[in-house]
Protein backbone atom coordinates (compact mmCIF):
# COMPACT_ATOMS: atom_id res chain seq x y z
CA MET A 1 -2.79 -87.97 -48.32
CA PRO A 2 -5.56 -87.22 -45.80
CA ARG A 3 -2.90 -86.81 -43.10
CA MET A 4 -1.01 -84.30 -45.29
CA THR A 5 -4.20 -82.38 -45.99
CA SER A 6 -5.01 -82.25 -42.28
CA ALA A 7 -1.49 -81.06 -41.49
CA LEU A 8 -1.72 -78.29 -44.09
CA ALA A 9 -5.11 -77.24 -42.78
CA ALA A 10 -3.81 -77.14 -39.23
CA SER A 11 -0.82 -75.05 -40.32
CA LEU A 12 -3.11 -72.64 -42.13
CA ILE A 13 -5.35 -72.25 -39.09
CA ILE A 14 -2.35 -71.57 -36.86
CA ALA A 15 -0.98 -69.03 -39.34
CA LEU A 16 -4.32 -67.23 -39.59
CA ALA A 17 -4.72 -67.16 -35.82
CA ALA A 18 -1.23 -65.74 -35.39
CA ALA A 19 -1.70 -62.97 -38.00
CA PRO A 20 -3.58 -60.52 -35.72
CA ALA A 21 -1.01 -61.05 -32.97
CA ARG A 22 1.83 -60.29 -35.40
CA ALA A 23 -0.01 -57.16 -36.57
CA ALA A 24 -0.50 -56.01 -32.98
CA ASP A 25 3.15 -56.71 -32.25
CA ALA A 26 4.15 -54.65 -35.29
CA VAL A 27 2.11 -51.68 -34.04
CA ALA A 28 3.54 -52.04 -30.54
CA ASP A 29 7.08 -52.30 -31.91
CA PHE A 30 6.52 -49.11 -33.92
CA PHE A 31 5.13 -47.01 -31.06
CA LYS A 32 7.42 -48.33 -28.33
CA GLY A 33 9.74 -45.59 -27.08
CA LYS A 34 8.22 -42.98 -29.40
CA THR A 35 6.61 -39.61 -28.69
CA VAL A 36 3.22 -38.75 -30.16
CA GLN A 37 2.66 -35.03 -30.69
CA VAL A 38 -0.79 -33.70 -29.81
CA LEU A 39 -1.22 -30.43 -31.69
CA ILE A 40 -3.69 -27.97 -30.17
CA GLY A 41 -5.04 -25.29 -32.48
CA PHE A 42 -5.41 -22.76 -29.66
CA GLY A 43 -3.29 -21.19 -26.94
CA PRO A 44 -2.95 -22.53 -23.39
CA GLY A 45 -5.79 -22.34 -20.90
CA GLY A 46 -8.88 -22.69 -23.10
CA GLY A 47 -11.32 -25.55 -23.42
CA TYR A 48 -9.62 -27.28 -26.36
CA ASP A 49 -6.30 -27.05 -24.57
CA LEU A 50 -7.76 -28.56 -21.41
CA TYR A 51 -9.42 -31.44 -23.25
CA ALA A 52 -6.25 -32.23 -25.21
CA ARG A 53 -3.94 -32.18 -22.20
CA THR A 54 -6.29 -34.35 -20.18
CA LEU A 55 -6.57 -36.88 -23.01
CA ALA A 56 -2.78 -36.89 -23.48
CA ARG A 57 -2.22 -37.91 -19.86
CA TYR A 58 -4.14 -41.17 -20.29
CA MET A 59 -4.33 -42.24 -23.94
CA GLY A 60 -0.72 -43.39 -24.21
CA LYS A 61 -1.22 -46.35 -21.90
CA HIS A 62 -3.94 -47.66 -24.24
CA ILE A 63 -1.80 -47.48 -27.41
CA PRO A 64 0.27 -50.62 -28.10
CA GLY A 65 3.87 -49.86 -27.16
CA ASN A 66 2.73 -47.13 -24.72
CA PRO A 67 4.21 -44.04 -26.40
CA THR A 68 4.34 -40.71 -24.56
CA LEU A 69 1.79 -38.14 -25.73
CA VAL A 70 3.13 -34.57 -25.64
CA PRO A 71 0.73 -31.63 -26.12
CA GLN A 72 1.95 -28.75 -28.27
CA ASN A 73 -0.01 -25.53 -28.74
CA MET A 74 -0.16 -24.19 -32.30
CA PRO A 75 -2.57 -21.25 -32.24
CA GLY A 76 -3.40 -19.25 -35.32
CA ALA A 77 -6.46 -18.33 -37.40
CA GLY A 78 -8.85 -20.05 -35.02
CA GLY A 79 -7.15 -23.42 -35.44
CA VAL A 80 -6.65 -23.25 -39.21
CA LYS A 81 -2.87 -23.11 -38.79
CA ALA A 82 -2.81 -26.39 -36.84
CA MET A 83 -5.25 -28.05 -39.22
CA ASN A 84 -3.21 -27.05 -42.28
CA TYR A 85 -0.01 -28.25 -40.61
CA LEU A 86 -1.58 -31.58 -39.67
CA TYR A 87 -2.80 -32.11 -43.22
CA ASN A 88 0.24 -30.96 -45.20
CA VAL A 89 3.36 -31.08 -43.02
CA ALA A 90 2.98 -33.44 -40.06
CA ARG A 91 4.37 -36.97 -40.15
CA LYS A 92 1.85 -39.42 -41.57
CA ASP A 93 3.00 -42.38 -39.50
CA GLY A 94 0.66 -42.08 -36.52
CA THR A 95 2.99 -40.05 -34.31
CA VAL A 96 1.13 -36.74 -34.76
CA ILE A 97 -2.50 -36.08 -33.92
CA GLY A 98 -4.32 -32.80 -33.41
CA THR A 99 -7.43 -31.01 -32.22
CA PHE A 100 -9.03 -27.83 -33.56
CA ALA A 101 -12.31 -25.91 -33.59
CA ARG A 102 -15.26 -28.17 -34.21
CA GLY A 103 -16.65 -26.09 -37.09
CA LEU A 104 -13.45 -25.89 -39.13
CA ALA A 105 -13.99 -29.21 -40.88
CA ILE A 106 -17.13 -27.96 -42.64
CA GLU A 107 -16.23 -24.28 -43.08
CA PRO A 108 -14.86 -24.76 -46.64
CA LEU A 109 -18.15 -26.39 -47.66
CA LEU A 110 -20.08 -23.41 -46.31
CA GLY A 111 -18.05 -20.95 -48.34
CA HIS A 112 -15.48 -20.00 -45.68
CA ALA A 113 -12.36 -21.50 -47.21
CA GLN A 114 -10.07 -18.53 -46.62
CA GLY A 115 -6.69 -19.84 -45.54
CA THR A 116 -7.71 -23.50 -45.43
CA GLN A 117 -5.41 -26.00 -47.14
CA PHE A 118 -7.07 -29.32 -46.41
CA GLN A 119 -9.81 -31.71 -47.48
CA ALA A 120 -11.73 -32.64 -44.35
CA THR A 121 -12.85 -36.01 -45.69
CA LYS A 122 -9.23 -37.18 -46.05
CA PHE A 123 -8.15 -36.69 -42.42
CA SER A 124 -7.68 -39.85 -40.36
CA TRP A 125 -10.39 -39.13 -37.81
CA ILE A 126 -9.73 -40.60 -34.36
CA GLY A 127 -12.83 -39.50 -32.46
CA SER A 128 -14.47 -36.70 -30.50
CA VAL A 129 -14.53 -36.50 -26.71
CA SER A 130 -17.89 -34.77 -26.71
CA ASN A 131 -21.11 -34.76 -28.69
CA GLU A 132 -22.18 -31.31 -27.65
CA VAL A 133 -25.55 -29.66 -27.31
CA SER A 134 -25.81 -25.88 -27.25
CA VAL A 135 -28.83 -23.81 -26.29
CA CYS A 136 -30.50 -20.44 -26.69
CA ALA A 137 -31.16 -18.90 -23.29
CA PHE A 138 -33.06 -15.69 -22.49
CA TRP A 139 -33.09 -13.51 -19.42
CA ALA A 140 -36.24 -14.15 -17.40
CA THR A 141 -37.45 -10.56 -17.67
CA SER A 142 -37.17 -10.55 -21.49
CA GLY A 143 -40.61 -12.09 -21.87
CA ILE A 144 -39.25 -14.89 -24.04
CA LYS A 145 -39.90 -18.27 -22.47
CA THR A 146 -40.86 -20.48 -25.43
CA TRP A 147 -40.09 -21.00 -29.10
CA ASP A 148 -43.45 -19.36 -29.95
CA ASP A 149 -42.36 -16.28 -27.99
CA LEU A 150 -39.15 -16.18 -29.99
CA LYS A 151 -41.12 -16.29 -33.25
CA THR A 152 -43.43 -13.43 -32.31
CA LYS A 153 -41.49 -11.07 -29.99
CA ASN A 154 -38.57 -8.82 -30.86
CA SER A 155 -35.29 -9.94 -29.31
CA VAL A 156 -31.66 -8.88 -29.19
CA ILE A 157 -28.98 -11.57 -29.04
CA GLY A 158 -25.47 -10.98 -27.78
CA ALA A 159 -22.50 -12.54 -29.58
CA SER A 160 -18.73 -12.45 -29.15
CA ALA A 161 -17.69 -12.02 -32.80
CA ALA A 162 -18.66 -12.76 -36.37
CA GLY A 163 -18.01 -16.43 -37.14
CA ALA A 164 -18.29 -17.58 -33.52
CA ASP A 165 -20.98 -20.08 -32.58
CA SER A 166 -22.66 -17.32 -30.57
CA GLU A 167 -23.11 -15.39 -33.84
CA ILE A 168 -23.56 -18.21 -36.37
CA PHE A 169 -26.47 -19.98 -34.69
CA PRO A 170 -28.71 -16.95 -34.06
CA VAL A 171 -28.02 -15.64 -37.58
CA VAL A 172 -28.99 -19.02 -39.04
CA MET A 173 -32.15 -19.13 -36.93
CA ARG A 174 -33.09 -15.58 -37.83
CA ASN A 175 -32.63 -16.15 -41.53
CA MET A 176 -34.18 -19.60 -41.75
CA PHE A 177 -37.19 -19.03 -39.51
CA LYS A 178 -37.69 -15.30 -40.23
CA LEU A 179 -37.38 -14.44 -36.54
CA PRO A 180 -37.72 -10.81 -35.38
CA MET A 181 -34.21 -11.01 -33.95
CA LYS A 182 -31.22 -8.68 -33.92
CA VAL A 183 -27.70 -10.05 -33.35
CA VAL A 184 -25.18 -7.75 -31.67
CA THR A 185 -21.49 -8.69 -31.75
CA GLY A 186 -18.61 -7.18 -29.84
CA PHE A 187 -18.80 -8.93 -26.49
CA SER A 188 -15.07 -9.53 -26.58
CA GLY A 189 -14.97 -11.15 -23.14
CA GLY A 190 -17.03 -14.05 -24.48
CA GLY A 191 -19.82 -15.74 -22.56
CA ALA A 192 -19.22 -13.93 -19.28
CA ASP A 193 -19.61 -10.56 -21.02
CA ILE A 194 -22.79 -11.69 -22.77
CA ASN A 195 -24.22 -12.84 -19.44
CA LEU A 196 -23.44 -9.45 -17.97
CA GLY A 197 -25.10 -7.83 -20.98
CA MET A 198 -28.25 -9.87 -20.33
CA GLU A 199 -28.25 -8.87 -16.68
CA ARG A 200 -27.86 -5.18 -17.59
CA GLY A 201 -30.65 -5.39 -20.18
CA GLU A 202 -28.33 -4.62 -23.11
CA VAL A 203 -29.35 -7.88 -24.80
CA ASN A 204 -32.16 -10.35 -24.17
CA GLY A 205 -30.30 -13.61 -24.62
CA ARG A 206 -27.53 -15.67 -26.16
CA CYS A 207 -27.40 -18.66 -28.52
CA GLY A 208 -24.76 -21.27 -29.23
CA TRP A 209 -24.22 -21.55 -25.46
CA SER A 210 -22.71 -24.93 -24.65
CA TRP A 211 -24.98 -26.75 -22.21
CA SER A 212 -21.98 -28.26 -20.43
CA SER A 213 -20.39 -24.80 -20.07
CA LEU A 214 -23.65 -23.37 -18.78
CA LEU A 215 -23.83 -26.06 -16.09
CA SER A 216 -20.19 -25.80 -15.06
CA GLN A 217 -19.83 -22.00 -15.17
CA SER A 218 -23.32 -20.44 -14.88
CA ARG A 219 -25.43 -22.95 -12.96
CA PRO A 220 -26.68 -20.29 -10.47
CA LEU A 221 -28.46 -18.48 -13.33
CA LEU A 222 -30.37 -21.66 -14.13
CA ASP A 223 -31.08 -22.69 -10.55
CA GLY A 224 -32.11 -19.16 -9.67
CA LYS A 225 -34.57 -19.10 -12.61
CA LYS A 226 -32.86 -16.03 -14.07
CA ILE A 227 -32.75 -17.57 -17.55
CA ASN A 228 -35.14 -19.59 -19.71
CA ILE A 229 -33.88 -22.28 -22.09
CA VAL A 230 -35.91 -21.87 -25.27
CA VAL A 231 -34.32 -24.19 -27.87
CA GLN A 232 -31.42 -26.63 -28.10
CA LEU A 233 -29.01 -26.64 -31.02
CA ALA A 234 -27.72 -30.06 -32.02
CA LEU A 235 -28.59 -33.10 -34.09
CA GLN A 236 -30.05 -34.92 -31.08
CA LYS A 237 -31.58 -33.81 -27.79
CA HIS A 238 -29.59 -33.78 -24.58
CA GLU A 239 -30.96 -36.13 -21.92
CA ASP A 240 -31.07 -33.20 -19.48
CA LEU A 241 -33.47 -31.27 -21.76
CA PRO A 242 -36.28 -33.62 -22.79
CA ASN A 243 -38.92 -30.87 -22.92
CA VAL A 244 -36.87 -28.22 -24.72
CA PRO A 245 -37.48 -28.13 -28.50
CA LEU A 246 -34.67 -29.37 -30.73
CA ILE A 247 -33.80 -27.14 -33.66
CA MET A 248 -33.82 -30.16 -35.98
CA ASP A 249 -37.51 -30.76 -35.22
CA LEU A 250 -38.55 -27.23 -36.18
CA PRO A 251 -37.85 -26.78 -39.93
CA THR A 252 -40.86 -26.63 -42.20
CA SER A 253 -39.24 -28.34 -45.20
CA GLU A 254 -36.92 -31.27 -45.80
CA GLN A 255 -34.42 -28.96 -47.52
CA ASN A 256 -34.35 -26.69 -44.46
CA LYS A 257 -33.80 -29.71 -42.25
CA ALA A 258 -30.94 -30.91 -44.44
CA ALA A 259 -29.34 -27.46 -44.38
CA LEU A 260 -29.66 -27.27 -40.60
CA ARG A 261 -28.15 -30.74 -40.26
CA LEU A 262 -25.16 -29.54 -42.25
CA ILE A 263 -24.70 -26.49 -40.01
CA ALA A 264 -25.41 -28.28 -36.71
CA SER A 265 -23.20 -31.25 -37.53
CA ARG A 266 -20.28 -29.43 -35.86
CA GLN A 267 -22.02 -30.07 -32.53
CA SER A 268 -21.54 -33.82 -32.94
CA ILE A 269 -17.78 -33.41 -33.09
CA ALA A 270 -17.42 -30.79 -30.39
CA ARG A 271 -13.90 -31.85 -29.31
CA PRO A 272 -12.46 -33.59 -32.39
CA PHE A 273 -9.10 -35.36 -32.74
CA ALA A 274 -7.59 -36.39 -36.06
CA ALA A 275 -4.35 -37.60 -37.61
CA PRO A 276 -3.02 -36.66 -41.05
CA PRO A 277 -4.25 -38.41 -44.20
CA GLY A 278 -2.47 -41.62 -45.09
CA VAL A 279 -1.74 -43.04 -41.65
CA PRO A 280 -1.27 -46.84 -42.05
CA ALA A 281 -4.54 -48.63 -41.32
CA ASP A 282 -3.20 -50.77 -38.47
CA ARG A 283 -1.84 -47.73 -36.62
CA LEU A 284 -5.01 -45.71 -37.21
CA ASN A 285 -7.07 -48.59 -35.86
CA ALA A 286 -4.80 -48.73 -32.81
CA LEU A 287 -5.19 -44.98 -32.22
CA ARG A 288 -8.96 -45.22 -32.54
CA ALA A 289 -9.12 -48.19 -30.18
CA ALA A 290 -6.90 -46.35 -27.69
CA PHE A 291 -9.11 -43.27 -27.89
CA ASP A 292 -12.23 -45.39 -27.26
CA ALA A 293 -10.54 -47.12 -24.32
CA THR A 294 -9.52 -43.77 -22.85
CA MET A 295 -13.15 -42.62 -22.96
CA LYS A 296 -13.93 -45.51 -20.56
CA ASP A 297 -10.81 -45.16 -18.42
CA PRO A 298 -11.94 -44.57 -14.79
CA GLN A 299 -8.96 -42.29 -14.08
CA PHE A 300 -9.59 -40.19 -17.18
CA LEU A 301 -13.29 -39.94 -16.37
CA ALA A 302 -12.57 -38.95 -12.78
CA GLU A 303 -10.25 -36.16 -13.89
CA ALA A 304 -12.70 -35.00 -16.55
CA LYS A 305 -15.41 -34.80 -13.90
CA ARG A 306 -13.13 -32.83 -11.59
CA LEU A 307 -12.37 -30.39 -14.41
CA ASP A 308 -16.05 -30.13 -15.49
CA LEU A 309 -15.25 -31.61 -18.91
CA GLU A 310 -18.25 -33.27 -20.48
CA VAL A 311 -17.47 -36.71 -21.93
CA ARG A 312 -20.02 -37.90 -24.52
CA PRO A 313 -17.69 -39.63 -26.98
CA VAL A 314 -18.09 -40.25 -30.70
CA ASN A 315 -15.79 -42.88 -32.21
CA GLY A 316 -13.53 -42.23 -35.17
CA ALA A 317 -15.51 -44.24 -37.70
CA ASP A 318 -18.68 -42.30 -36.87
CA VAL A 319 -16.86 -38.97 -37.15
CA GLN A 320 -15.45 -40.06 -40.53
CA LYS A 321 -18.96 -41.01 -41.71
CA LEU A 322 -20.47 -37.75 -40.50
CA ILE A 323 -17.88 -35.68 -42.37
CA SER A 324 -18.34 -37.77 -45.52
CA ASP A 325 -22.13 -37.47 -45.33
CA VAL A 326 -21.97 -33.70 -44.85
CA TYR A 327 -19.70 -33.26 -47.88
CA ALA A 328 -22.04 -35.44 -49.91
CA SER A 329 -24.91 -32.98 -49.32
CA PRO A 330 -26.77 -31.98 -52.50
CA PRO A 331 -25.68 -28.62 -53.98
CA GLU A 332 -29.08 -27.04 -53.33
CA VAL A 333 -28.82 -27.93 -49.63
CA VAL A 334 -25.32 -26.47 -49.42
CA LYS A 335 -26.53 -23.24 -51.05
CA LEU A 336 -29.40 -23.02 -48.58
CA ALA A 337 -27.00 -23.54 -45.64
CA GLN A 338 -24.64 -20.89 -47.03
CA ALA A 339 -27.52 -18.44 -47.38
CA ALA A 340 -28.70 -19.14 -43.84
CA GLU A 341 -25.23 -18.33 -42.45
CA ARG A 342 -25.06 -14.90 -44.08
CA SER A 343 -25.29 -12.02 -41.66
CA ARG A 344 -27.85 -10.22 -43.83
CA PRO A 345 -30.86 -12.03 -45.29
């Protein structure tokens, strides 16, 4: 009898030890020889496109079965078209993933649900390549060098269009902190046009300016002391900016801080990737593990550095938690965030 019990125990141990291997084999068998679509919610040539295509070149070798990742642009409505397709139409077997504008996931919560056909909390979040920090920068001759200057001196901020980060963040700051600030949209050429506007004296500064983009595209303005960095816009400070105030440290009430966290949460998922709802757990886990491995891949990192792509990854579980926490915000906080985003106080 003891020998039989020992034999059964040994068999059970062997079976339990073999279970993960069988699961991994099942995932590898599924992905082997397959193509994984990488939907990109924008046209070719932009930042999201560049991040997605770079990721696609390396992530496949980290997925069991080594499928081929094929990027596919699906522009439309600022990424809403791709997000709706991913949620409602795309295969839910792990062979379709996508990327889209970082703010889209929370736009319905903030009252901008036009055209959206998804529930952000139900996506199978894979991760974000970057945890981004944006800044407000002012031309050196504007007289605005500090947060106190911004609170007391009139300023004009340039923005590309309503709904862009360059418009949302200064509007939120103006409304929430009662800043003597005017926001001017219409710089259709984007950041380069706003920079030119600062140089010409048409505007004093710009907000929602990605720190990584500033360094890669406008470093001479910083090195030449032509601009002053006044505040950083994110949930956490960037290591490059230890002495620049963080917007999250400035609110005067806990409700304001909660509302700002809701709005600024998009910065933590600056380059998000997700799969449709309902992807089998073992395949989602494999995709997340492959994404994490790619973020440490020396070849991927070398190419990202060459392309000036900032890599500050956030794993899929943390993205999922962030989205869930944001959508669990109390109604009064959501109303405050919605009010802060309105163009007119």
